Protein backbone atom coordinates (compact mmCIF):
# COMPACT_ATOMS: atom_id res chain seq x y z
CA MET A 1 -10.54 57.50 215.42
CA ASN A 2 -13.51 60.04 214.93
CA ILE A 3 -16.68 58.09 214.44
CA ASN A 4 -19.80 59.57 215.23
CA ASN A 5 -23.03 57.36 216.14
CA ILE A 6 -21.34 54.28 216.62
CA ASN A 7 -22.96 51.20 218.57
CA VAL A 8 -21.06 48.11 219.30
CA ASN A 9 -22.52 45.12 221.00
CA LYS A 10 -21.10 41.73 221.89
CA TYR A 11 -23.88 38.92 221.22
CA PRO A 12 -23.71 35.04 220.89
CA ILE A 13 -24.72 33.74 217.90
CA SER A 14 -28.18 32.65 219.34
CA GLN A 15 -28.96 36.07 219.92
CA MET A 16 -27.40 37.80 216.94
CA LEU A 17 -29.50 35.35 214.67
CA ASP A 18 -32.41 35.47 217.14
CA PRO A 19 -35.17 33.03 215.81
CA ASP A 20 -37.85 35.47 217.30
CA SER A 21 -36.82 38.46 215.84
CA ARG A 22 -37.20 39.83 212.08
CA VAL A 23 -33.73 40.84 211.75
CA VAL A 24 -32.13 40.68 208.41
CA PHE A 25 -28.39 40.69 207.22
CA GLU A 26 -27.93 41.62 204.20
CA ILE A 27 -24.80 41.58 202.11
CA PRO A 28 -24.85 44.07 199.38
CA ARG A 29 -25.08 42.68 195.76
CA TYR A 30 -21.78 44.76 194.80
CA GLN A 31 -19.50 43.28 197.22
CA ARG A 32 -17.04 40.73 196.60
CA GLU A 33 -18.12 37.01 196.02
CA TYR A 34 -17.94 34.43 198.97
CA VAL A 35 -14.19 32.97 198.84
CA TRP A 36 -13.66 31.60 202.07
CA GLY A 37 -12.22 28.12 201.43
CA THR A 38 -11.13 25.16 203.08
CA ARG A 39 -8.33 26.87 205.25
CA GLU A 40 -10.81 29.23 206.69
CA TRP A 41 -13.38 26.88 207.14
CA ALA A 42 -11.22 24.34 208.81
CA ALA A 43 -10.12 27.10 211.33
CA LEU A 44 -13.66 28.29 212.14
CA TYR A 45 -14.27 24.71 212.77
CA ASP A 46 -11.39 23.63 214.86
CA ASP A 47 -11.54 26.83 216.78
CA LEU A 48 -15.22 25.80 217.88
CA SER A 49 -14.32 22.19 218.47
CA ASP A 50 -11.07 23.04 220.49
CA ASN A 51 -12.56 25.65 222.89
CA ASP A 52 -14.95 25.97 225.32
CA GLU A 53 -18.40 27.87 225.00
CA GLY A 54 -18.45 31.35 224.37
CA TYR A 55 -15.56 31.29 222.08
CA PHE A 56 -14.80 34.77 220.24
CA LEU A 57 -15.24 34.38 216.46
CA GLY A 58 -14.66 38.33 215.79
CA SER A 59 -16.43 41.48 214.54
CA ILE A 60 -18.66 42.59 211.84
CA ILE A 61 -19.33 46.13 210.87
CA CYS A 62 -22.75 47.08 209.71
CA ILE A 63 -24.81 50.01 208.39
CA ASN A 64 -28.48 50.23 209.39
CA SER A 65 -30.50 50.34 206.29
CA THR A 66 -33.77 50.07 207.60
CA THR A 67 -36.78 51.79 206.32
CA ASN A 68 -39.67 49.71 207.84
CA THR A 69 -39.25 49.45 211.79
CA LEU A 70 -41.28 45.92 211.72
CA LEU A 71 -38.20 44.47 209.14
CA PRO A 72 -34.95 45.83 210.60
CA LYS A 73 -32.29 45.29 208.27
CA PHE A 74 -28.56 45.75 208.42
CA GLU A 75 -26.34 46.23 205.50
CA VAL A 76 -23.17 43.71 206.32
CA VAL A 77 -20.05 46.21 205.11
CA ASP A 78 -17.31 43.72 206.58
CA GLY A 79 -17.72 40.41 208.03
CA GLN A 80 -19.84 38.62 205.20
CA GLN A 81 -17.30 35.86 204.66
CA ARG A 82 -17.76 35.14 208.53
CA LEU A 83 -21.45 35.64 208.73
CA THR A 84 -21.99 33.55 205.57
CA THR A 85 -20.00 30.67 207.10
CA ILE A 86 -21.58 30.39 210.17
CA SER A 87 -24.90 30.21 208.17
CA LEU A 88 -23.76 27.39 206.33
CA LEU A 89 -22.42 25.68 209.42
CA LEU A 90 -25.61 25.99 210.86
CA ALA A 91 -27.37 24.91 207.58
CA ALA A 92 -25.11 21.54 207.79
CA LEU A 93 -26.08 21.17 211.63
CA TYR A 94 -29.65 21.17 210.45
CA ASP A 95 -29.54 18.83 207.63
CA VAL A 96 -27.60 16.24 209.98
CA LEU A 97 -30.10 16.51 212.69
CA ASN A 98 -33.50 17.06 210.52
CA SER A 99 -32.14 13.44 209.22
CA HIS A 100 -32.42 12.23 212.78
CA ARG A 101 -35.88 13.61 213.70
CA ASN A 102 -37.57 10.53 214.43
CA GLU A 103 -34.75 10.26 217.21
CA LEU A 104 -35.50 13.27 218.76
CA ASP A 105 -37.48 14.01 222.07
CA GLU A 106 -40.13 17.28 222.34
CA ASP A 107 -37.24 19.62 223.56
CA GLN A 108 -35.08 18.51 220.77
CA GLN A 109 -37.28 18.85 218.02
CA SER A 110 -37.87 22.52 219.33
CA ASP A 111 -34.23 23.27 219.45
CA VAL A 112 -34.12 22.25 216.02
CA LEU A 113 -37.25 24.31 214.79
CA GLN A 114 -35.19 27.16 216.69
CA LEU A 115 -32.22 26.33 214.50
CA LYS A 116 -34.32 26.66 211.55
CA ARG A 117 -35.65 30.40 212.35
CA LYS A 118 -32.19 31.24 212.83
CA LEU A 119 -31.92 30.83 208.77
CA VAL A 120 -35.38 31.66 207.77
CA LEU A 121 -37.51 34.31 209.73
CA LYS A 122 -40.47 33.07 211.71
CA LYS A 123 -43.80 32.96 210.15
CA THR A 124 -42.48 33.05 206.43
CA ILE A 125 -41.24 30.36 204.03
CA GLN A 126 -38.49 31.79 202.44
CA ASP A 127 -37.23 35.35 203.95
CA MET A 128 -33.54 34.19 204.78
CA ARG A 129 -32.04 35.71 207.78
CA VAL A 130 -28.63 36.09 205.99
CA VAL A 131 -29.11 37.28 202.54
CA PRO A 132 -25.81 36.77 200.30
CA GLN A 133 -24.84 39.37 197.47
CA VAL A 134 -25.96 37.90 193.77
CA GLN A 135 -22.53 38.24 192.19
CA GLY A 136 -21.10 34.81 191.32
CA ASN A 137 -24.07 32.68 191.91
CA ASN A 138 -23.76 33.50 195.77
CA LEU A 139 -27.60 34.03 196.30
CA ASP A 140 -28.67 31.22 193.84
CA ASP A 141 -26.32 28.81 195.29
CA TYR A 142 -27.22 29.73 198.92
CA MET A 143 -31.19 29.63 198.21
CA GLY A 144 -30.17 26.38 196.38
CA LEU A 145 -28.80 24.82 199.47
CA MET A 146 -31.59 26.26 201.85
CA ALA A 147 -33.89 24.34 199.53
CA ARG A 148 -32.29 21.14 199.38
CA VAL A 149 -31.95 20.75 203.16
CA GLY A 150 -36.06 21.73 203.56
CA LEU A 151 -35.61 25.30 204.88
CA ILE A 152 -37.26 26.90 202.06
CA PRO A 153 -39.71 25.51 199.45
CA GLN A 154 -37.81 23.58 196.81
CA ARG A 155 -36.23 25.38 194.01
CA ALA A 156 -33.30 23.93 191.39
CA MET A 157 -30.08 23.95 192.46
CA PRO A 158 -28.01 26.45 190.04
CA LYS A 159 -25.57 24.43 187.49
CA TYR A 160 -21.92 24.05 188.59
CA ALA A 161 -22.72 25.32 192.22
CA GLY A 162 -21.08 21.77 193.46
CA ASN A 163 -18.00 23.55 192.50
CA ARG A 164 -18.60 26.92 193.98
CA CYS A 165 -17.66 28.15 197.31
CA MET A 166 -21.50 28.05 198.88
CA VAL A 167 -21.95 24.47 198.06
CA ARG A 168 -18.23 23.23 199.05
CA GLY A 169 -18.51 25.00 202.29
CA PHE A 170 -21.74 23.34 203.10
CA ASN A 171 -20.45 20.18 202.02
CA TYR A 172 -17.01 20.55 204.28
CA PHE A 173 -19.05 21.24 207.65
CA LYS A 174 -21.41 18.45 207.07
CA ARG A 175 -18.49 15.78 206.31
CA ARG A 176 -16.95 17.56 209.77
CA ILE A 177 -19.96 16.95 211.54
CA GLU A 178 -20.56 13.25 210.14
CA ALA A 179 -16.73 12.44 211.18
CA ASP A 180 -17.38 13.64 214.59
CA ILE A 181 -20.85 11.89 215.16
CA ALA A 182 -19.39 8.48 213.92
CA GLU A 183 -16.45 8.68 216.63
CA SER A 184 -19.01 9.41 219.29
CA SER A 185 -20.66 7.07 221.34
CA ASN A 186 -23.55 9.10 221.63
CA LEU A 187 -24.60 10.93 218.33
CA LEU A 188 -27.45 13.15 219.50
CA HIS A 189 -25.36 14.57 222.57
CA THR A 190 -22.36 15.21 219.79
CA LEU A 191 -24.74 16.99 217.66
CA PHE A 192 -26.39 19.24 220.11
CA GLN A 193 -22.81 19.94 221.71
CA ILE A 194 -21.85 21.67 218.49
CA LEU A 195 -24.86 23.34 217.84
CA ASP A 196 -24.38 24.57 221.70
CA LYS A 197 -20.60 25.85 220.48
CA VAL A 198 -22.16 27.49 217.62
CA ASN A 199 -24.90 29.25 219.71
CA SER A 200 -22.71 30.56 222.23
CA ALA A 201 -19.76 31.48 220.04
CA ILE A 202 -19.75 35.41 220.29
CA LEU A 203 -19.49 38.12 217.69
CA VAL A 204 -19.07 41.64 218.04
CA MET A 205 -21.60 43.65 216.00
CA ILE A 206 -20.34 47.39 215.07
CA GLU A 207 -23.24 49.76 213.95
CA VAL A 208 -22.09 52.68 212.04
CA SER A 209 -24.12 55.54 210.30
CA ASN A 210 -22.06 55.69 206.89
CA HIS A 211 -19.36 54.21 204.99
CA ALA A 212 -17.20 56.66 206.01
CA ASP A 213 -17.21 55.51 209.50
CA ALA A 214 -16.94 52.25 208.11
CA TYR A 215 -13.91 52.79 206.48
CA THR A 216 -12.16 54.61 209.62
CA LEU A 217 -13.09 51.36 211.44
CA PHE A 218 -11.27 49.01 208.59
CA GLU A 219 -8.09 51.30 209.02
CA SER A 220 -8.13 50.25 212.95
CA LEU A 221 -9.48 46.55 213.05
CA ASN A 222 -8.07 43.66 212.69
CA ASN A 223 -11.01 41.15 211.43
CA ARG A 224 -9.88 37.53 210.25
CA GLY A 225 -11.91 38.17 207.44
CA MET A 226 -11.02 40.26 204.06
CA PRO A 227 -11.54 43.89 205.06
CA LEU A 228 -12.80 46.18 202.20
CA THR A 229 -10.74 48.75 200.88
CA ALA A 230 -11.57 52.85 200.28
CA VAL A 231 -12.03 51.83 196.34
CA ASP A 232 -14.67 48.98 197.33
CA LEU A 233 -16.60 51.26 199.82
CA ILE A 234 -16.92 54.15 197.14
CA LYS A 235 -18.56 51.36 194.91
CA ASN A 236 -20.86 49.93 197.68
CA LEU A 237 -21.88 53.24 198.55
CA LEU A 238 -22.26 54.43 194.75
CA LEU A 239 -24.35 51.24 193.83
CA ALA A 240 -26.38 51.21 197.13
CA LYS A 241 -27.41 54.86 196.16
CA LEU A 242 -27.99 53.70 192.46
CA ASP A 243 -29.90 50.38 193.70
CA LEU A 244 -32.34 52.73 195.93
CA ALA A 245 -33.11 54.72 192.86
CA GLU A 246 -33.26 52.16 189.98
CA SER A 247 -33.29 48.58 191.36
CA ASN A 248 -34.18 47.12 187.76
CA SER A 249 -30.91 49.04 186.32
CA MET A 250 -28.22 47.25 188.90
CA ASP A 251 -26.70 45.14 185.96
CA TYR A 252 -26.21 48.36 184.05
CA TYR A 253 -24.53 50.39 186.71
CA PHE A 254 -22.58 47.31 187.73
CA ALA A 255 -21.00 47.09 184.37
CA ARG A 256 -20.66 50.56 184.34
CA TRP A 257 -18.34 50.22 187.69
CA ARG A 258 -16.55 47.11 186.09
CA GLU A 259 -15.63 49.66 182.99
CA VAL A 260 -14.06 52.15 185.70
CA LEU A 261 -12.08 49.20 187.42
CA SER A 262 -11.05 48.31 183.73
CA ASN A 263 -9.48 51.26 183.03
CA LEU A 264 -7.68 51.60 186.12
CA GLY A 265 -6.51 48.04 186.33
CA ASP A 266 -5.76 45.64 188.87
CA ASP A 267 -3.31 47.34 191.28
CA TYR A 268 -4.97 48.49 194.13
CA SER A 269 -2.55 51.24 194.68
CA VAL A 270 -3.08 52.83 191.32
CA GLN A 271 -7.03 52.38 191.82
CA GLU A 272 -6.78 54.38 194.95
CA ARG A 273 -4.35 56.91 193.53
CA PHE A 274 -6.60 57.92 190.90
CA PHE A 275 -9.63 58.52 193.03
CA ARG A 276 -7.24 61.10 195.33
CA GLN A 277 -5.94 62.57 191.96
CA ASN A 278 -9.35 62.70 190.56
CA TYR A 279 -10.64 64.89 193.46
CA ASN A 280 -7.06 67.06 193.56
CA ALA A 281 -7.24 67.40 189.70
CA PHE A 282 -10.96 68.58 189.90
CA ARG A 283 -11.58 70.13 193.23
CA GLY A 284 -12.80 73.28 191.53
CA THR A 285 -15.66 72.09 189.74
CA LEU A 286 -16.62 69.28 192.19
CA ASN A 287 -17.11 71.74 194.90
CA ILE A 288 -19.36 74.07 193.26
CA PRO A 289 -22.93 72.57 194.49
CA PHE A 290 -21.42 72.14 198.04
CA ARG A 291 -20.47 75.95 198.33
CA LYS A 292 -22.55 77.75 201.17
CA ASP A 293 -20.29 80.16 202.46
CA ASP A 294 -17.02 81.69 201.64
CA ARG A 295 -15.21 78.09 201.57
CA GLN A 296 -13.57 77.68 198.32
CA TYR A 297 -13.50 73.85 198.98
CA PRO A 298 -16.34 72.77 201.17
CA LEU A 299 -15.40 69.06 200.65
CA GLY A 300 -12.07 69.39 201.70
CA ILE A 301 -8.52 71.25 200.51
CA ILE A 302 -6.88 68.04 199.29
CA ALA A 303 -8.31 64.36 199.19
CA THR A 304 -5.81 62.07 201.36
CA ARG A 305 -6.03 58.77 202.04
CA SER A 306 -7.90 59.42 205.44
CA SER A 307 -10.35 61.92 203.63
CA LEU A 308 -11.15 59.97 200.72
CA LEU A 309 -14.24 58.32 201.71
CA ASP A 310 -15.82 61.40 203.49
CA ILE A 311 -15.31 63.38 199.86
CA TYR A 312 -16.70 60.78 197.73
CA GLU A 313 -19.73 60.05 200.29
CA LYS A 314 -20.90 63.64 199.69
CA LEU A 315 -20.18 63.46 196.29
CA ILE A 316 -22.15 60.19 195.73
CA ILE A 317 -25.03 61.25 197.76
CA HIS A 318 -25.71 64.38 195.88
CA ASP A 319 -26.08 62.81 192.55
CA PRO A 320 -24.90 59.21 192.04
CA LYS A 321 -25.72 59.00 188.46
CA HIS A 322 -24.09 62.14 187.72
CA PHE A 323 -20.84 60.62 189.81
CA LEU A 324 -20.79 57.45 187.81
CA ASP A 325 -20.59 59.57 184.41
CA VAL A 326 -17.92 61.55 185.43
CA ILE A 327 -16.01 58.88 187.04
CA THR A 328 -16.24 56.54 184.01
CA GLU A 329 -15.07 59.59 181.68
CA ASN A 330 -12.05 60.43 184.04
CA SER A 331 -10.96 56.60 184.50
CA ALA A 332 -11.00 56.44 180.75
CA ILE A 333 -8.51 59.45 180.61
CA TYR A 334 -6.61 58.09 183.44
CA SER A 335 -6.14 54.88 181.56
CA LEU A 336 -4.28 56.45 178.66
CA ILE A 337 -1.70 58.40 180.97
CA THR A 338 -1.22 55.06 182.91
CA LEU A 339 -0.90 53.14 179.36
CA GLN A 340 -3.52 50.65 180.99
CA LYS A 341 -5.51 51.31 177.77
CA ALA A 342 -3.35 53.14 175.30
CA ASP A 343 -4.85 51.33 171.77
CA GLY A 344 -4.95 54.18 169.22
CA LEU A 345 -2.86 56.51 171.10
CA PRO A 346 0.07 58.48 168.98
CA SER A 347 3.29 56.55 169.31
CA GLY A 348 4.77 60.27 170.47
CA LEU A 349 2.37 60.33 173.44
CA ARG A 350 2.73 56.62 174.24
CA GLU A 351 6.60 57.09 174.49
CA CYS A 352 6.41 60.37 176.49
CA PHE A 353 3.85 58.34 178.77
CA GLN A 354 6.19 55.82 179.38
CA ASP A 355 9.05 57.82 180.13
CA LEU A 356 6.95 59.51 183.00
CA GLN A 357 6.14 56.40 184.21
CA ARG A 358 9.86 55.22 184.39
CA VAL A 359 11.09 58.56 186.31
CA GLN A 360 7.96 57.85 188.61
CA GLY A 361 6.04 61.07 187.62
CA ALA A 362 2.85 59.93 189.09
CA PRO A 363 2.36 63.03 191.24
CA SER A 364 1.69 64.73 187.93
CA TYR A 365 -0.81 62.43 186.55
CA LEU A 366 -3.45 64.93 188.33
CA LEU A 367 -2.29 67.69 186.13
CA LEU A 368 -2.22 65.41 182.71
CA MET A 369 -5.84 64.40 183.56
CA TYR A 370 -6.97 67.94 184.02
CA LEU A 371 -5.36 68.95 180.86
CA LEU A 372 -6.34 66.39 178.96
CA LYS A 373 -9.84 66.61 179.92
CA ASN A 374 -10.06 70.20 179.32
CA ARG A 375 -7.79 70.36 176.34
CA THR A 376 -10.52 72.05 173.72
CA GLU A 377 -11.03 74.85 176.24
CA LEU A 378 -7.24 75.44 177.26
CA CYS A 379 -6.80 75.29 173.20
CA ILE A 380 -3.90 72.59 173.41
CA ASP A 381 -3.02 69.70 170.79
CA ASP A 382 -1.42 66.35 171.01
CA ASP A 383 2.03 68.07 170.39
CA GLN A 384 1.64 70.79 173.25
CA ILE A 385 0.73 67.76 175.67
CA ALA A 386 3.93 65.79 174.44
CA GLU A 387 6.02 69.04 175.00
CA VAL A 388 4.54 69.47 178.43
CA ILE A 389 5.22 65.57 179.34
CA ARG A 390 9.11 65.99 178.24
CA MET A 391 9.16 68.93 180.46
CA LEU A 392 7.71 67.22 183.45
CA VAL A 393 10.28 63.95 182.35
CA ASN A 394 13.06 66.25 182.80
CA PHE A 395 11.58 67.78 185.91
CA PHE A 396 11.19 64.13 187.57
CA VAL A 397 14.85 63.12 186.65
CA ARG A 398 16.09 66.27 188.29
CA ARG A 399 14.15 66.11 191.38
CA SER A 400 14.98 62.27 191.69
CA VAL A 401 18.62 63.14 191.88
CA THR A 402 18.14 66.13 194.18
CA ASP A 403 15.16 65.27 196.15
CA ILE A 404 14.24 68.98 195.36
CA PRO A 405 11.20 69.46 195.78
CA PRO A 406 10.75 66.79 198.55
CA THR A 407 8.02 64.43 197.61
CA ARG A 408 5.67 65.46 200.23
CA ASP A 409 5.20 68.61 198.41
CA LEU A 410 4.50 67.25 194.78
CA THR A 411 0.70 67.07 195.29
CA ARG A 412 0.05 70.45 196.25
CA LEU A 413 2.38 71.84 193.64
CA PHE A 414 0.28 70.57 190.66
CA MET A 415 -2.91 71.23 192.46
CA ALA A 416 -1.93 75.01 193.04
CA TYR A 417 -0.81 75.06 189.13
CA ILE A 418 -4.42 73.91 188.24
CA GLU A 419 -5.75 76.59 190.19
CA GLU A 420 -3.47 79.13 188.62
CA ILE A 421 -4.62 78.11 185.21
CA GLU A 422 -8.24 78.62 186.33
CA GLN A 423 -7.57 81.73 187.89
CA ASN A 424 -5.58 83.15 185.18
CA ARG A 425 -7.51 81.51 182.17
CA TYR A 426 -4.21 80.22 180.39
CA THR A 427 -4.62 78.66 177.12
CA GLY A 428 -2.25 77.40 174.21
CA ASN A 429 1.10 78.17 174.64
CA GLN A 430 0.85 80.10 177.78
CA VAL A 431 0.07 76.64 179.63
CA PHE A 432 3.26 75.43 179.02
CA THR A 433 5.24 78.58 179.69
CA SER A 434 3.57 79.18 182.88
CA LEU A 435 4.30 75.47 184.08
CA ARG A 436 7.87 75.99 182.80
CA ALA A 437 8.18 79.05 185.23
CA LYS A 438 6.52 76.99 187.92
CA LEU A 439 8.90 74.03 187.62
CA LEU A 440 11.87 76.29 187.52
CA SER A 441 10.82 77.99 190.70
CA VAL A 442 10.98 74.89 192.42
CA SER A 443 13.68 72.63 191.10
CA ALA A 444 17.25 72.59 192.16
CA SER A 445 19.69 74.53 190.57
CA ASP A 446 22.03 73.39 187.60
CA ASP A 447 25.00 73.69 189.97
CA LEU A 448 23.35 71.34 192.42
CA PHE A 449 22.22 69.25 189.57
CA ALA A 450 25.57 68.87 188.57
CA GLU A 451 27.08 68.35 191.98
CA LYS A 452 24.99 65.31 192.55
CA LEU A 453 25.45 63.94 188.99
CA ARG A 454 29.34 64.03 189.70
CA GLY A 455 28.59 61.79 192.73
CA PRO A 456 27.94 57.91 193.27
CA ILE A 457 24.68 58.26 191.55
CA TYR A 458 24.32 54.51 190.98
CA ASP A 459 24.52 53.71 194.72
CA GLU A 460 22.09 56.80 195.54
CA ASN A 461 19.59 56.40 192.82
CA SER A 462 19.80 53.17 190.65
CA GLY A 463 16.52 53.75 188.95
CA ALA A 464 17.06 57.67 187.97
CA CYS A 465 20.55 56.33 187.03
CA ARG A 466 19.36 53.71 184.61
CA PHE A 467 16.88 56.16 183.19
CA ILE A 468 19.61 58.83 182.29
CA LEU A 469 22.08 56.23 180.80
CA CYS A 470 19.00 54.50 178.66
CA SER A 471 18.05 58.43 177.26
CA LEU A 472 21.33 59.15 176.37
CA ALA A 473 22.14 55.90 174.57
CA GLN A 474 19.04 56.04 172.55
CA ARG A 475 20.10 59.52 171.40
CA GLY A 476 21.70 58.28 168.41
CA MET A 477 19.43 55.41 167.43
CA THR A 478 18.01 55.00 163.88
CA ASN A 479 15.47 52.58 162.82
CA GLU A 480 18.13 50.31 161.59
CA THR A 481 20.25 50.36 165.05
CA TYR A 482 17.21 50.71 167.35
CA VAL A 483 17.38 48.53 170.26
CA ASP A 484 14.71 48.31 173.10
CA LEU A 485 16.79 49.00 176.23
CA TRP A 486 13.84 48.59 178.49
CA ARG A 487 13.19 45.00 176.96
CA GLN A 488 12.70 42.43 179.78
CA TYR A 489 13.02 38.51 180.32
CA ASP A 490 10.24 36.38 181.70
CA SER A 491 12.12 36.66 185.25
CA LYS A 492 11.24 40.86 184.67
CA GLN A 493 15.16 41.44 184.74
CA TYR A 494 16.36 43.96 181.78
CA VAL A 495 17.85 42.08 179.06
CA TRP A 496 19.98 45.38 178.62
CA SER A 497 21.52 46.53 182.15
CA ILE A 498 23.89 48.96 183.96
CA GLU A 499 27.57 47.56 183.30
CA HIS A 500 30.36 48.98 185.89
CA ILE A 501 33.47 49.26 184.10
CA PHE A 502 35.76 48.97 186.87
CA PRO A 503 34.18 46.15 188.67
CA GLN A 504 31.99 46.74 191.79
CA GLY A 505 32.58 43.60 193.41
CA THR A 506 34.46 43.21 196.81
CA ASN A 507 37.10 40.88 195.26
CA ILE A 508 38.76 43.01 192.88
CA PRO A 509 40.61 40.93 190.32
CA GLN A 510 44.39 41.49 190.01
CA PRO A 511 44.20 42.74 186.49
CA TRP A 512 42.06 45.56 187.46
CA VAL A 513 44.37 46.18 190.62
CA ASP A 514 47.37 46.64 188.44
CA MET A 515 45.78 48.55 185.87
CA ILE A 516 43.82 51.26 187.93
CA ALA A 517 46.33 51.45 191.17
CA GLY A 518 49.59 50.15 189.95
CA GLY A 519 49.40 46.80 191.59
CA ASP A 520 48.14 48.58 195.18
CA PRO A 521 45.40 46.57 196.64
CA ALA A 522 44.35 48.99 199.11
CA LYS A 523 44.65 51.80 196.58
CA ALA A 524 42.46 49.71 194.28
CA ARG A 525 39.88 49.13 197.25
CA GLU A 526 39.88 53.32 197.79
CA TYR A 527 39.69 54.01 194.01
CA GLN A 528 36.56 51.84 194.16
CA THR A 529 34.89 53.25 196.88
CA LEU A 530 35.09 56.75 195.51
CA TYR A 531 34.77 55.97 191.71
CA VAL A 532 32.90 52.83 190.92
CA HIS A 533 29.37 54.33 191.25
CA THR A 534 29.96 57.55 189.27
CA PHE A 535 28.42 58.29 185.67
CA GLY A 536 32.27 58.02 184.23
CA ASN A 537 32.39 54.30 185.04
CA LEU A 538 28.78 53.07 184.13
CA THR A 539 27.32 52.15 180.59
CA ILE A 540 24.43 49.90 179.32
CA THR A 541 25.23 46.68 178.00
CA GLY A 542 23.35 43.26 177.52
CA TYR A 543 25.11 39.67 179.14
CA ASN A 544 26.52 41.48 182.06
CA SER A 545 26.63 38.40 183.84
CA ALA A 546 28.96 37.06 181.00
CA LEU A 547 31.10 40.09 181.50
CA SER A 548 31.70 40.22 185.50
CA ASN A 549 34.92 40.70 186.83
CA LYS A 550 37.05 39.91 183.25
CA SER A 551 39.79 42.52 182.38
CA PHE A 552 38.95 45.76 180.60
CA SER A 553 40.26 44.20 177.02
CA GLU A 554 38.12 41.15 177.71
CA LYS A 555 35.11 43.09 178.62
CA ARG A 556 35.82 45.44 175.52
CA ASP A 557 36.36 42.89 172.87
CA ARG A 558 33.93 40.16 173.91
CA LYS A 559 31.95 38.34 171.24
CA ASP A 560 29.23 35.79 171.34
CA ASN A 561 29.31 32.55 169.56
CA ALA A 562 28.07 34.19 166.52
CA GLY A 563 31.15 36.42 166.43
CA LYS A 564 28.87 39.64 167.45
CA TYR A 565 30.42 42.17 169.86
CA ILE A 566 28.71 41.73 173.01
CA GLY A 567 31.07 43.72 175.09
CA TYR A 568 31.84 47.52 174.91
CA ARG A 569 31.98 47.35 170.97
CA ASN A 570 28.32 46.64 171.08
CA GLY A 571 27.37 49.34 168.77
CA LEU A 572 25.64 51.81 171.89
CA ASN A 573 26.79 55.06 170.93
CA LEU A 574 26.96 55.31 175.04
CA ASN A 575 29.99 53.03 174.64
CA ALA A 576 32.12 54.92 171.95
CA ASP A 577 34.26 56.48 174.37
CA VAL A 578 34.92 53.43 176.03
CA ALA A 579 35.14 51.16 172.76
CA ASP A 580 38.46 53.12 171.83
CA LYS A 581 40.25 53.09 174.99
CA ASP A 582 43.22 50.37 175.83
CA ILE A 583 43.06 51.01 179.25
CA TRP A 584 40.81 52.28 182.18
CA THR A 585 42.07 54.56 184.74
CA ILE A 586 40.71 57.03 187.50
CA ASP A 587 41.55 60.05 185.00
CA ILE A 588 39.30 58.37 182.31
CA ILE A 589 36.52 57.68 184.71
CA ASN A 590 36.76 61.57 185.88
CA GLU A 591 36.84 62.85 182.19
CA ARG A 592 34.16 60.77 181.21
CA THR A 593 32.03 61.71 184.20
CA GLU A 594 32.50 65.30 183.69
CA LYS A 595 31.44 64.73 179.97
CA LEU A 596 28.15 63.08 180.71
CA VAL A 597 27.25 65.61 183.28
CA GLN A 598 27.61 68.29 180.99
CA GLU A 599 25.36 66.06 178.29
CA ILE A 600 22.79 65.30 181.16
CA LEU A 601 22.51 68.97 181.92
CA SER A 602 21.69 69.95 178.47
CA PHE A 603 19.52 66.97 177.76
CA PHE A 604 17.20 67.27 180.85
CA ALA A 605 17.18 71.15 181.06
CA ILE A 606 13.90 72.64 181.99
């Protein structure tokens, strides 16, 4: 772990929230909302109650954002849930203690005043020690609570605040405190005992100088809270820089960021992949402002998970507004490729992108993003884009079956090709022909592809096997005979699934033993091991569970209650050479395998 300018200090709560200091812990407005609930509140309160004083509560990570040395300020980039919860507990304690103020002696009243200064800065009336972020009414709810317990001047409690986490957390702690004192013979002793437990509890404060260092820490520390992701931190840094420049426009910029995430969808792995591929696709342009010597890519040769934050921190600091404009435009392009937002996309392109998803072609998205963004300069249209995608689909089918080239080489392959486009200034059909040459140079030979196709393909790669079978089955469909072979039930199971003609189950039914192996169970098991997962023994059918281990003729001729064929005579062209058979033998399986292998070699040629 390589981090510069890091300070790590262990503080009791009484010192971290020092009543005599003017330190403020501010949770940036763009962080996720306060989301802790009963489980976390109970765990924290029980931990404090059940352990001795000095209990360790975990760590928080902060960036020193002080601009005025008289008003030190820390940006809380991890640990906001914990720090906010501690403040709610202290506020609940203050509320209960203050309701018994007439029973307190002078020293106890001084302790209550000190408690107040942990929550509101000394010599002010409403400057809070911990400042929650504004999203989801967090800040308004918190200030409404502080006003309700008399810590700051009166203000209206926001509508429906009682249903949100801030007020619910405060009420939870107040109920727990009141339950404890109800069971106590000495009310004030119990209240101050609880206060001592909180004051003495330990937090480790880790102070770093930038967001990239914060992310490195997130990767290595196991905090109780909800650690931020790389994408969260990119957002935090971007909106922090925009907030410094134009604080009045923060809502506008936050809405722009939500548009970016809307383009990418909710899956974090997709979001992170976009940010890596965005840099890797456009690194030539992105590095231009940073070139000071002979290095072509001063920001980095490639964006990886470990280098992502460092690259994007430099880009954002250089020009946050331009960065937001570009990332919004590029995420919109990405939304087309991933079909996150594909309204208006020509049906041909939609089907191409869908096929690329199904063959796990995501490593090529960086190339497609580059081509789509620069399509005018490259002089390529929708038909040429579709042609490129179909070639990529074929490439990924062959790669999935042969594992050539290896997965680790794919990103650099497409980055190198983008560089080749830029250096040679390819346009129009040159883009397709040069890419074809590139893919041919790194792909497995037809001989190796065929050898893999003749093997137990289903056992080795069921996903690629399904895509290939569905592609072959769809070739003969017309508008009248079309069926969606990728349709799924609500359970996410495919309606149409791969069917093993010679059953794959351990207990081979006797009719199959007789037909395949002349009644020899041992020979039947041997044949099953060798041939059951090969293409010749596979097809696509619905109602797979209804066919299962039935005899060949029963599986071939099976009908549903309406008299419609649901066996191998179900109308799919893929089943034509199965439906006309009366028996199923190893010779037939081998012949069909070879026939399908030749069709696949032709169909998925690069």
